[in-house]
């Protein structure tokens, strides 16, 4: 059977260890690390980043998006058609037209136009036609 003195010394050592562990854990809990943007990369998305590789050599200046009936401008357009687009007209200039699968009629309307769409669409005045299905 342990002596009373050993029990008291053991209890004191045990209490001191508990206090020390509590202080260390409180110290590490209060440390804060300043946030950084190390894992975040922000990149501006413009016409150059959105155009398909088939239109890489074109100097596109205007982005036109929409659904239903889409009309481009007189300039060099990147036309991105959304779901439910029925017809697209480039409107002059050298256009890159991304029609998707829904467009029925795609008209480049003069210039050197690259038209990308379905095999079932009707193409007019497109210098290059690329089928996506």
C-alpha atoms as a PDB file:
ATOM      1  CA  UNK A   1       0.000   0.000   0.000  1.00  0.00           C
ATOM      2  CA  UNK A   2       1.467   3.394  -1.022  1.00  0.00           C
ATOM      3  CA  UNK A   3       2.338   5.848   1.667  1.00  0.00           C
ATOM      4  CA  UNK A   4       0.361   9.044   2.144  1.00  0.00           C
ATOM      5  CA  UNK A   5       3.343  11.091   1.062  1.00  0.00           C
ATOM      6  CA  UNK A   6       3.605   9.224  -2.271  1.00  0.00           C
ATOM      7  CA  UNK A   7      -0.094   9.716  -2.913  1.00  0.00           C
ATOM      8  CA  UNK A   8       0.201  13.484  -2.258  1.00  0.00           C
ATOM      9  CA  UNK A   9       3.309  13.851  -4.465  1.00  0.00           C
ATOM     10  CA  UNK A  10       1.679  11.787  -7.217  1.00  0.00           C
ATOM     11  CA  UNK A  11      -1.483  13.901  -7.017  1.00  0.00           C
ATOM     12  CA  UNK A  12       0.562  17.125  -7.222  1.00  0.00           C
ATOM     13  CA  UNK A  13       2.515  15.864 -10.259  1.00  0.00           C
ATOM     14  CA  UNK A  14      -0.717  14.753 -11.933  1.00  0.00           C
ATOM     15  CA  UNK A  15      -2.385  18.131 -11.239  1.00  0.00           C
ATOM     16  CA  UNK A  16       0.667  20.011 -12.543  1.00  0.00           C
ATOM     17  CA  UNK A  17       0.577  17.974 -15.747  1.00  0.00           C
ATOM     18  CA  UNK A  18      -3.118  18.683 -16.264  1.00  0.00           C
ATOM     19  CA  UNK A  19      -2.544  22.426 -15.740  1.00  0.00           C
ATOM     20  CA  UNK A  20       0.416  22.389 -18.147  1.00  0.00           C
ATOM     21  CA  UNK A  21      -1.570  20.559 -20.832  1.00  0.00           C
ATOM     22  CA  UNK A  22      -4.426  23.042 -20.392  1.00  0.00           C
ATOM     23  CA  UNK A  23      -2.069  26.019 -20.798  1.00  0.00           C
ATOM     24  CA  UNK A  24      -0.460  24.563 -23.930  1.00  0.00           C
ATOM     25  CA  UNK A  25      -3.793  23.805 -25.506  1.00  0.00           C
ATOM     26  CA  UNK A  26      -5.108  27.307 -24.726  1.00  0.00           C
ATOM     27  CA  UNK A  27      -1.963  28.777 -26.250  1.00  0.00           C
ATOM     28  CA  UNK A  28      -2.291  26.848 -29.516  1.00  0.00           C
ATOM     29  CA  UNK A  29      -6.019  27.575 -29.739  1.00  0.00           C
ATOM     30  CA  UNK A  30      -5.392  31.314 -29.655  1.00  0.00           C
ATOM     31  CA  UNK A  31      -2.790  31.265 -32.460  1.00  0.00           C
ATOM     32  CA  UNK A  32      -4.211  32.497 -35.736  1.00  0.00           C
ATOM     33  CA  UNK A  33      -2.692  32.375 -39.173  1.00  0.00           C
ATOM     34  CA  UNK A  34      -3.408  35.261 -41.496  1.00  0.00           C
ATOM     35  CA  UNK A  35      -5.399  34.230 -44.548  1.00  0.00           C
ATOM     36  CA  UNK A  36      -3.659  34.226 -47.875  1.00  0.00           C
ATOM     37  CA  UNK A  37      -4.729  33.843 -51.470  1.00  0.00           C
ATOM     38  CA  UNK A  38      -2.091  31.238 -52.201  1.00  0.00           C
ATOM     39  CA  UNK A  39      -4.566  28.661 -53.540  1.00  0.00           C
ATOM     40  CA  UNK A  40      -6.741  31.171 -55.423  1.00  0.00           C
ATOM     41  CA  UNK A  41      -6.054  32.268 -58.966  1.00  0.00           C
ATOM     42  CA  UNK A  42      -8.185  34.977 -60.553  1.00  0.00           C
ATOM     43  CA  UNK A  43      -8.221  35.165 -64.328  1.00  0.00           C
ATOM     44  CA  UNK A  44     -10.211  37.606 -66.414  1.00  0.00           C
ATOM     45  CA  UNK A  45     -12.356  35.861 -68.993  1.00  0.00           C
ATOM     46  CA  UNK A  46     -12.596  37.692 -72.267  1.00  0.00           C
ATOM     47  CA  UNK A  47     -13.384  36.858 -75.849  1.00  0.00           C
ATOM     48  CA  UNK A  48      -9.934  35.346 -76.410  1.00  0.00           C
ATOM     49  CA  UNK A  49     -10.424  32.818 -73.583  1.00  0.00           C
ATOM     50  CA  UNK A  50     -13.974  31.899 -74.643  1.00  0.00           C
ATOM     51  CA  UNK A  51     -13.500  31.377 -78.368  1.00  0.00           C
ATOM     52  CA  UNK A  52     -13.074  27.812 -79.618  1.00  0.00           C
ATOM     53  CA  UNK A  53      -9.813  26.671 -81.167  1.00  0.00           C
ATOM     54  CA  UNK A  54     -11.402  26.777 -84.635  1.00  0.00           C
ATOM     55  CA  UNK A  55     -11.630  30.575 -84.245  1.00  0.00           C
ATOM     56  CA  UNK A  56      -8.150  31.061 -82.750  1.00  0.00           C
ATOM     57  CA  UNK A  57      -6.812  33.181 -85.618  1.00  0.00           C
ATOM     58  CA  UNK A  58      -9.776  35.571 -85.660  1.00  0.00           C
ATOM     59  CA  UNK A  59      -9.583  39.077 -84.173  1.00  0.00           C
ATOM     60  CA  UNK A  60     -12.956  39.046 -82.395  1.00  0.00           C
ATOM     61  CA  UNK A  61     -14.063  42.294 -80.764  1.00  0.00           C
ATOM     62  CA  UNK A  62     -17.630  41.777 -79.526  1.00  0.00           C
ATOM     63  CA  UNK A  63     -19.271  38.993 -77.514  1.00  0.00           C
ATOM     64  CA  UNK A  64     -22.942  38.382 -78.269  1.00  0.00           C
ATOM     65  CA  UNK A  65     -24.965  35.891 -76.209  1.00  0.00           C
ATOM     66  CA  UNK A  66     -28.608  34.974 -76.055  1.00  0.00           C
ATOM     67  CA  UNK A  67     -31.384  32.555 -76.899  1.00  0.00           C
ATOM     68  CA  UNK A  68     -34.292  32.550 -79.322  1.00  0.00           C
ATOM     69  CA  UNK A  69     -33.315  34.702 -82.306  1.00  0.00           C
ATOM     70  CA  UNK A  70     -29.788  36.159 -82.093  1.00  0.00           C
ATOM     71  CA  UNK A  71     -28.441  38.962 -84.283  1.00  0.00           C
ATOM     72  CA  UNK A  72     -24.754  39.832 -84.285  1.00  0.00           C
ATOM     73  CA  UNK A  73     -23.242  43.262 -84.881  1.00  0.00           C
ATOM     74  CA  UNK A  74     -21.455  44.661 -87.936  1.00  0.00           C
ATOM     75  CA  UNK A  75     -18.115  43.904 -86.230  1.00  0.00           C
ATOM     76  CA  UNK A  76     -16.200  40.708 -85.611  1.00  0.00           C
ATOM     77  CA  UNK A  77     -18.382  38.829 -83.138  1.00  0.00           C
ATOM     78  CA  UNK A  78     -18.079  35.805 -80.906  1.00  0.00           C
ATOM     79  CA  UNK A  79     -21.683  34.631 -80.830  1.00  0.00           C
ATOM     80  CA  UNK A  80     -22.512  32.151 -78.066  1.00  0.00           C
ATOM     81  CA  UNK A  81     -26.029  30.763 -78.372  1.00  0.00           C
ATOM     82  CA  UNK A  82     -27.852  29.388 -75.367  1.00  0.00           C
ATOM     83  CA  UNK A  83     -30.291  26.505 -75.203  1.00  0.00           C
ATOM     84  CA  UNK A  84     -33.476  27.145 -77.160  1.00  0.00           C
ATOM     85  CA  UNK A  85     -31.870  29.275 -79.872  1.00  0.00           C
ATOM     86  CA  UNK A  86     -33.789  29.031 -83.149  1.00  0.00           C
ATOM     87  CA  UNK A  87     -31.792  31.255 -85.498  1.00  0.00           C
ATOM     88  CA  UNK A  88     -28.511  33.150 -85.556  1.00  0.00           C
ATOM     89  CA  UNK A  89     -27.474  35.912 -87.950  1.00  0.00           C
ATOM     90  CA  UNK A  90     -23.842  37.068 -87.852  1.00  0.00           C
ATOM     91  CA  UNK A  91     -24.587  40.570 -89.136  1.00  0.00           C
ATOM     92  CA  UNK A  92     -21.394  41.234 -91.114  1.00  0.00           C
ATOM     93  CA  UNK A  93     -17.745  41.122 -90.139  1.00  0.00           C
ATOM     94  CA  UNK A  94     -15.711  37.990 -89.460  1.00  0.00           C
ATOM     95  CA  UNK A  95     -17.768  36.069 -86.917  1.00  0.00           C
ATOM     96  CA  UNK A  96     -17.286  32.966 -84.801  1.00  0.00           C
ATOM     97  CA  UNK A  97     -20.738  31.482 -84.220  1.00  0.00           C
ATOM     98  CA  UNK A  98     -21.223  28.807 -81.559  1.00  0.00           C
ATOM     99  CA  UNK A  99     -24.752  27.609 -82.242  1.00  0.00           C
ATOM    100  CA  UNK A 100     -25.028  24.532 -80.089  1.00  0.00           C
ATOM    101  CA  UNK A 101     -27.472  21.707 -80.847  1.00  0.00           C
ATOM    102  CA  UNK A 102     -30.754  23.666 -80.805  1.00  0.00           C
ATOM    103  CA  UNK A 103     -30.239  26.232 -83.587  1.00  0.00           C
ATOM    104  CA  UNK A 104     -32.141  25.548 -86.814  1.00  0.00           C
ATOM    105  CA  UNK A 105     -30.789  28.376 -89.018  1.00  0.00           C
ATOM    106  CA  UNK A 106     -27.270  29.812 -88.921  1.00  0.00           C
ATOM    107  CA  UNK A 107     -26.426  32.686 -91.263  1.00  0.00           C
ATOM    108  CA  UNK A 108     -22.896  34.095 -91.245  1.00  0.00           C
ATOM    109  CA  UNK A 109     -24.086  37.178 -93.234  1.00  0.00           C
ATOM    110  CA  UNK A 110     -20.885  37.987 -95.087  1.00  0.00           C
ATOM    111  CA  UNK A 111     -17.288  38.112 -93.971  1.00  0.00           C
ATOM    112  CA  UNK A 112     -15.186  35.096 -93.091  1.00  0.00           C
ATOM    113  CA  UNK A 113     -17.390  33.239 -90.625  1.00  0.00           C
ATOM    114  CA  UNK A 114     -16.760  30.055 -88.665  1.00  0.00           C
ATOM    115  CA  UNK A 115     -20.053  28.376 -87.741  1.00  0.00           C
ATOM    116  CA  UNK A 116     -20.199  25.586 -85.163  1.00  0.00           C
ATOM    117  CA  UNK A 117     -23.471  23.691 -84.718  1.00  0.00           C
ATOM    118  CA  UNK A 118     -25.450  20.529 -85.320  1.00  0.00           C
ATOM    119  CA  UNK A 119     -25.593  18.523 -88.540  1.00  0.00           C
ATOM    120  CA  UNK A 120     -29.329  19.175 -88.802  1.00  0.00           C
ATOM    121  CA  UNK A 121     -29.049  22.987 -88.877  1.00  0.00           C
ATOM    122  CA  UNK A 122     -29.287  24.996 -92.109  1.00  0.00           C
ATOM    123  CA  UNK A 123     -26.091  26.979 -92.810  1.00  0.00           C
ATOM    124  CA  UNK A 124     -25.791  30.059 -95.027  1.00  0.00           C
ATOM    125  CA  UNK A 125     -22.744  32.263 -95.761  1.00  0.00           C
ATOM    126  CA  UNK A 126     -20.413  30.321 -93.434  1.00  0.00           C
ATOM    127  CA  UNK A 127     -16.811  30.019 -94.668  1.00  0.00           C
ATOM    128  CA  UNK A 128     -16.179  27.081 -92.342  1.00  0.00           C
ATOM    129  CA  UNK A 129     -18.775  24.767 -90.786  1.00  0.00           C
ATOM    130  CA  UNK A 130     -17.875  22.503 -87.857  1.00  0.00           C
ATOM    131  CA  UNK A 131     -20.368  19.901 -86.653  1.00  0.00           C
ATOM    132  CA  UNK A 132     -20.549  19.132 -82.932  1.00  0.00           C
ATOM    133  CA  UNK A 133     -22.606  15.963 -83.151  1.00  0.00           C
END
